[in-house]
Amino acid sequence: MRGVVLLFLLSLWSGGQVDAINQDVLANVVQEMRRFGLGGRQYAMAVLLTKQQCTQNRAIFDVGVQPQVVQNALNGNNVYTGNRLIAATPLRIVQAIDRTKTDHAEYRLLSRGNTNLSPMQTLINSAGRNDGQCIVFFSTYSPCLEKCNNPNGRNDIVPLMNVFQGFDKNRKAFVFSSVWDPSRNNPGVTNPSRQWMFDSFKRIDGYLPLYRCDRFKENNKWVNRCYRCVTANTNPETNDCLYGYS
C-alpha cells in the first residue's frame, strides 16, 4: 500500500540546545499532515517518526495508512489508532435531555478512557527502546483555556503531557495552526488577555516545544510559516504565535 509521503527536512541533532526541527520545513510537514484530517473541522493528530526519518533531509517514509482511512474514522467520531499515526476529532456526548459535554480532540488522544493505555501512550510504546525516534503532536487550534489548558478543568490535558517525558526535548513538538477564540461560539464571552494566553502556552511548552504553523502574510504574500511560541519572543503583545488574537 502506497503511503503518504511527508518531506521532513529535520536538522541533525546531537542533544544540544538548538531546536532539532527546522521550522521552515515543519510548516510543509503540517500541510502534509492535514491531508489526513478534515478540512474545516477541528482535529488533533500525532505522528511517530523513526530516527532515519527525523535526521535525513528529504526523508521519505510510509505512515502505513492512506488519508481516506483516517478521514473515515474521524467522520465516524472514532479515534484512529495506527502504528505511526493517531487522530481524533472532538466528541459531543449527550448525557441527558438538554445536557451535553464535549471531549476535545487533544484530550481523546491523551486520556485513557475505558482502556488501560491512552492512544498517545500506545503510539509512544510502539517506539520501543529506540531513543532516536521523535514525535509531532498537531492540533488545528491551541489547547483552549476553557478545558484542555484549564488547570482546574476536568479535561485538562497538561497533567497527561507526562507521556512525552521519555523523549528528548529536541525530538518532540506540539504544533497548532490557530489560537482558540473563546468568543467564537459564545459572542458574549470576553476573551482572556494575551498574557493569559501566553501563560497557557508556557504550560504546554514545559512538556514539549510549542510551535504555531499556519499561513501568514509577509510582504503582501501568504506563506506557510512556523514560529516557536515561548522561547523566541516572550512579549505577548508581539508574539508571533498570538498573531490575530484579540
Protein backbone atom coordinates (compact mmCIF):
# COMPACT_ATOMS: atom_id res chain seq x y z
CA MET A 1 0.00 0.00 0.00
CA ARG A 2 1.40 3.32 -1.03
CA GLY A 3 1.63 5.62 1.95
CA VAL A 4 1.61 9.36 2.14
CA VAL A 5 4.98 10.94 1.62
CA LEU A 6 5.99 13.64 4.06
CA LEU A 7 9.00 15.77 3.35
CA PHE A 8 10.76 16.02 6.68
CA LEU A 9 13.84 18.21 6.48
CA LEU A 10 14.96 17.88 10.06
CA SER A 11 18.35 19.17 11.06
CA LEU A 12 20.76 16.68 12.60
CA TRP A 13 20.87 16.90 16.36
CA SER A 14 23.46 15.91 18.93
CA GLY A 15 21.45 16.54 22.07
CA GLY A 16 22.33 20.24 22.21
CA GLN A 17 20.06 23.18 22.87
CA VAL A 18 19.38 24.02 19.22
CA ASP A 19 15.90 23.05 18.03
CA ALA A 20 16.09 19.78 16.12
CA ILE A 21 13.16 20.55 13.86
CA ASN A 22 13.72 23.03 11.09
CA GLN A 23 10.86 25.49 11.46
CA ASP A 24 10.61 26.39 7.78
CA VAL A 25 10.25 22.73 6.84
CA LEU A 26 7.91 21.99 9.74
CA ALA A 27 5.40 24.29 8.03
CA ASN A 28 5.41 21.99 4.99
CA VAL A 29 5.14 18.94 7.22
CA VAL A 30 1.98 20.31 8.81
CA GLN A 31 0.48 20.88 5.38
CA GLU A 32 1.14 17.24 4.54
CA MET A 33 -0.34 16.07 7.85
CA ARG A 34 -3.51 17.99 7.03
CA ARG A 35 -4.13 15.51 4.23
CA PHE A 36 -5.14 13.03 6.91
CA GLY A 37 -7.51 15.48 8.62
CA LEU A 38 -10.87 17.02 7.83
CA GLY A 39 -10.95 20.41 6.16
CA GLY A 40 -12.95 22.97 8.10
CA ARG A 41 -13.19 20.79 11.22
CA GLN A 42 -11.21 20.67 14.42
CA TYR A 43 -8.99 17.64 14.96
CA ALA A 44 -5.76 16.55 16.62
CA MET A 45 -3.14 14.18 15.32
CA ALA A 46 0.23 12.73 16.29
CA VAL A 47 2.89 11.10 14.14
CA LEU A 48 5.79 8.96 15.36
CA LEU A 49 8.94 9.13 13.23
CA THR A 50 11.98 6.87 13.06
CA LYS A 51 15.47 8.18 13.68
CA GLN A 52 16.21 7.97 9.97
CA GLN A 53 13.08 9.96 9.12
CA CYS A 54 13.96 12.57 11.72
CA THR A 55 17.57 13.13 10.73
CA GLN A 56 17.84 12.72 6.95
CA ASN A 57 17.00 15.62 4.70
CA ARG A 58 14.06 14.95 2.40
CA ALA A 59 13.45 11.61 4.06
CA ILE A 60 10.57 9.67 2.50
CA PHE A 61 8.51 7.45 4.71
CA ASP A 62 5.29 5.50 4.75
CA VAL A 63 2.97 6.01 7.72
CA GLY A 64 1.17 2.79 6.85
CA VAL A 65 -2.24 4.24 6.05
CA GLN A 66 -3.98 6.24 3.34
CA PRO A 67 -5.55 9.58 4.32
CA GLN A 68 -9.05 8.38 3.40
CA VAL A 69 -8.87 5.60 6.00
CA VAL A 70 -8.09 8.11 8.74
CA GLN A 71 -10.73 10.53 7.48
CA ASN A 72 -13.38 7.80 7.50
CA ALA A 73 -12.59 7.08 11.15
CA LEU A 74 -12.79 10.77 12.04
CA ASN A 75 -16.08 11.21 10.18
CA GLY A 76 -17.45 8.37 12.31
CA ASN A 77 -16.34 10.17 15.51
CA ASN A 78 -13.84 7.38 16.14
CA VAL A 79 -10.25 7.69 17.30
CA TYR A 80 -7.90 6.41 14.63
CA THR A 81 -5.01 4.46 16.15
CA GLY A 82 -2.25 3.26 13.85
CA ASN A 83 1.34 2.17 14.35
CA ARG A 84 2.68 5.57 13.29
CA LEU A 85 -0.31 7.91 13.37
CA ILE A 86 -3.24 8.62 15.68
CA ALA A 87 -6.02 11.15 15.18
CA ALA A 88 -9.31 12.31 16.70
CA THR A 89 -11.99 14.99 16.48
CA PRO A 90 -13.95 16.46 19.41
CA LEU A 91 -16.69 14.12 20.64
CA ARG A 92 -20.03 15.55 21.75
CA ILE A 93 -21.68 13.33 24.34
CA VAL A 94 -25.37 13.62 25.24
CA GLN A 95 -25.71 12.89 28.96
CA ALA A 96 -29.37 13.81 29.39
CA ILE A 97 -32.03 15.99 27.81
CA ASP A 98 -30.57 19.48 27.31
CA ARG A 99 -27.29 18.36 28.83
CA THR A 100 -24.19 17.54 26.82
CA LYS A 101 -20.44 17.55 27.23
CA THR A 102 -17.65 17.60 24.70
CA ASP A 103 -14.35 15.77 24.94
CA HIS A 104 -11.86 17.74 22.88
CA ALA A 105 -9.66 16.05 20.29
CA GLU A 106 -6.40 16.50 22.21
CA TYR A 107 -7.96 15.04 25.35
CA ARG A 108 -9.24 12.00 23.46
CA LEU A 109 -5.72 11.20 22.28
CA LEU A 110 -4.13 11.71 25.70
CA SER A 111 -6.73 10.20 28.04
CA ARG A 112 -7.17 6.50 28.77
CA GLY A 113 -10.95 6.50 28.59
CA ASN A 114 -12.10 2.95 29.29
CA THR A 115 -8.80 1.37 28.29
CA ASN A 116 -5.54 0.73 30.11
CA LEU A 117 -3.48 2.99 27.87
CA SER A 118 -4.23 6.20 26.03
CA PRO A 119 -3.85 6.28 22.23
CA MET A 120 -0.80 8.53 22.72
CA GLN A 121 0.80 6.11 25.19
CA THR A 122 0.13 3.23 22.81
CA LEU A 123 1.76 5.18 19.98
CA ILE A 124 4.79 6.01 22.11
CA ASN A 125 5.10 2.43 23.34
CA SER A 126 5.44 1.31 19.75
CA ALA A 127 8.71 3.25 19.65
CA GLY A 128 10.19 0.64 21.97
CA ARG A 129 13.67 1.43 23.21
CA ASN A 130 14.77 3.28 20.10
CA ASP A 131 15.94 6.58 21.58
CA GLY A 132 16.34 8.14 18.15
CA GLN A 133 12.64 8.37 17.36
CA CYS A 134 10.71 11.63 17.53
CA ILE A 135 7.08 12.67 17.73
CA VAL A 136 4.98 15.56 16.40
CA PHE A 137 1.64 16.33 18.07
CA PHE A 138 -0.60 18.57 15.94
CA SER A 139 -3.88 20.35 16.70
CA THR A 140 -5.81 22.72 14.49
CA TYR A 141 -6.32 25.06 17.48
CA SER A 142 -4.18 25.85 20.50
CA PRO A 143 -5.38 24.00 23.62
CA CYS A 144 -8.25 26.12 24.92
CA LEU A 145 -8.39 27.73 28.35
CA GLU A 146 -11.95 26.54 28.92
CA LYS A 147 -11.00 22.85 29.03
CA CYS A 148 -7.75 21.47 27.62
CA ASN A 149 -5.46 24.07 29.19
CA ASN A 150 -7.53 24.90 32.25
CA PRO A 151 -5.63 23.79 35.39
CA ASN A 152 -8.96 23.40 37.22
CA GLY A 153 -10.82 21.72 34.35
CA ARG A 154 -11.97 18.11 34.19
CA ASN A 155 -10.44 17.72 30.72
CA ASP A 156 -7.15 19.45 31.45
CA ILE A 157 -4.52 17.80 29.26
CA VAL A 158 -1.46 19.30 30.98
CA PRO A 159 -1.09 16.51 33.60
CA LEU A 160 -1.42 13.99 30.76
CA MET A 161 1.55 15.51 28.94
CA ASN A 162 3.86 13.48 31.17
CA VAL A 163 3.58 10.83 28.48
CA PHE A 164 6.15 12.78 26.42
CA GLN A 165 8.85 12.85 29.08
CA GLY A 166 10.61 9.86 27.55
CA PHE A 167 11.53 11.91 24.50
CA ASP A 168 14.48 14.28 24.34
CA LYS A 169 13.37 17.91 24.06
CA ASN A 170 14.92 18.12 20.61
CA ARG A 171 12.86 15.20 19.33
CA LYS A 172 9.31 16.30 20.09
CA ALA A 173 6.98 19.16 19.20
CA PHE A 174 3.44 20.35 19.78
CA VAL A 175 2.11 22.27 16.78
CA PHE A 176 -1.12 24.24 16.35
CA SER A 177 -2.40 26.37 13.47
CA SER A 178 -4.76 28.88 15.07
CA VAL A 179 -5.24 30.39 18.51
CA TRP A 180 -8.53 29.20 20.01
CA ASP A 181 -11.02 32.09 20.26
CA PRO A 182 -13.44 31.50 23.20
CA SER A 183 -15.89 34.06 21.79
CA ARG A 184 -16.15 32.15 18.51
CA ASN A 185 -19.21 30.19 19.63
CA ASN A 186 -20.11 32.50 22.52
CA PRO A 187 -20.33 36.10 21.27
CA GLY A 188 -20.97 37.43 24.79
CA VAL A 189 -17.77 35.94 26.19
CA THR A 190 -14.77 38.16 26.86
CA ASN A 191 -11.58 36.59 25.59
CA PRO A 192 -8.71 36.03 28.03
CA SER A 193 -5.89 38.54 27.80
CA ARG A 194 -2.88 37.92 25.59
CA GLN A 195 -0.81 37.43 28.75
CA TRP A 196 -3.14 34.66 29.93
CA MET A 197 -2.89 33.00 26.54
CA PHE A 198 0.89 33.25 26.58
CA ASP A 199 0.98 31.76 30.08
CA SER A 200 -1.10 28.84 28.77
CA PHE A 201 1.49 28.34 26.02
CA LYS A 202 4.20 28.07 28.67
CA ARG A 203 2.31 25.27 30.43
CA ILE A 204 2.39 23.19 27.25
CA ASP A 205 5.96 24.16 26.39
CA GLY A 206 7.06 22.82 29.74
CA TYR A 207 6.46 19.32 28.37
CA LEU A 208 7.35 19.66 24.70
CA PRO A 209 8.35 22.61 22.47
CA LEU A 210 5.31 24.53 21.24
CA TYR A 211 5.06 25.90 17.69
CA ARG A 212 2.43 27.65 15.65
CA CYS A 213 2.39 26.70 11.96
CA ASP A 214 -0.04 28.44 9.63
CA ARG A 215 -0.36 30.77 6.66
CA PHE A 216 0.87 34.27 7.48
CA LYS A 217 1.03 37.38 5.39
CA GLU A 218 4.56 38.61 4.81
CA ASN A 219 5.50 41.35 2.33
CA ASN A 220 1.97 41.19 0.89
CA LYS A 221 2.31 37.46 0.25
CA TRP A 222 0.78 34.49 2.07
CA VAL A 223 3.39 31.97 3.15
CA ASN A 224 3.45 28.83 5.28
CA ARG A 225 5.48 29.57 8.38
CA CYS A 226 6.22 28.09 11.80
CA TYR A 227 7.07 30.05 14.93
CA ARG A 228 8.40 28.85 18.27
CA CYS A 229 5.88 30.18 20.77
CA VAL A 230 7.72 30.63 24.07
CA THR A 231 11.46 30.95 23.68
CA ALA A 232 11.66 33.15 20.59
CA ASN A 233 9.60 36.15 21.77
CA THR A 234 8.27 36.43 25.33
CA ASN A 235 6.28 39.62 24.75
CA PRO A 236 2.57 38.65 24.49
CA GLU A 237 1.81 41.83 22.54
CA THR A 238 4.17 40.98 19.69
CA ASN A 239 4.49 37.19 19.97
CA ASP A 240 4.00 35.60 16.53
CA CYS A 241 2.02 32.70 17.96
CA LEU A 242 -0.65 35.18 19.10
CA TYR A 243 -0.96 36.82 15.68
CA GLY A 244 -4.60 37.71 15.01
CA TYR A 245 -5.76 37.12 18.57
CA SER A 246 -7.65 39.91 20.34
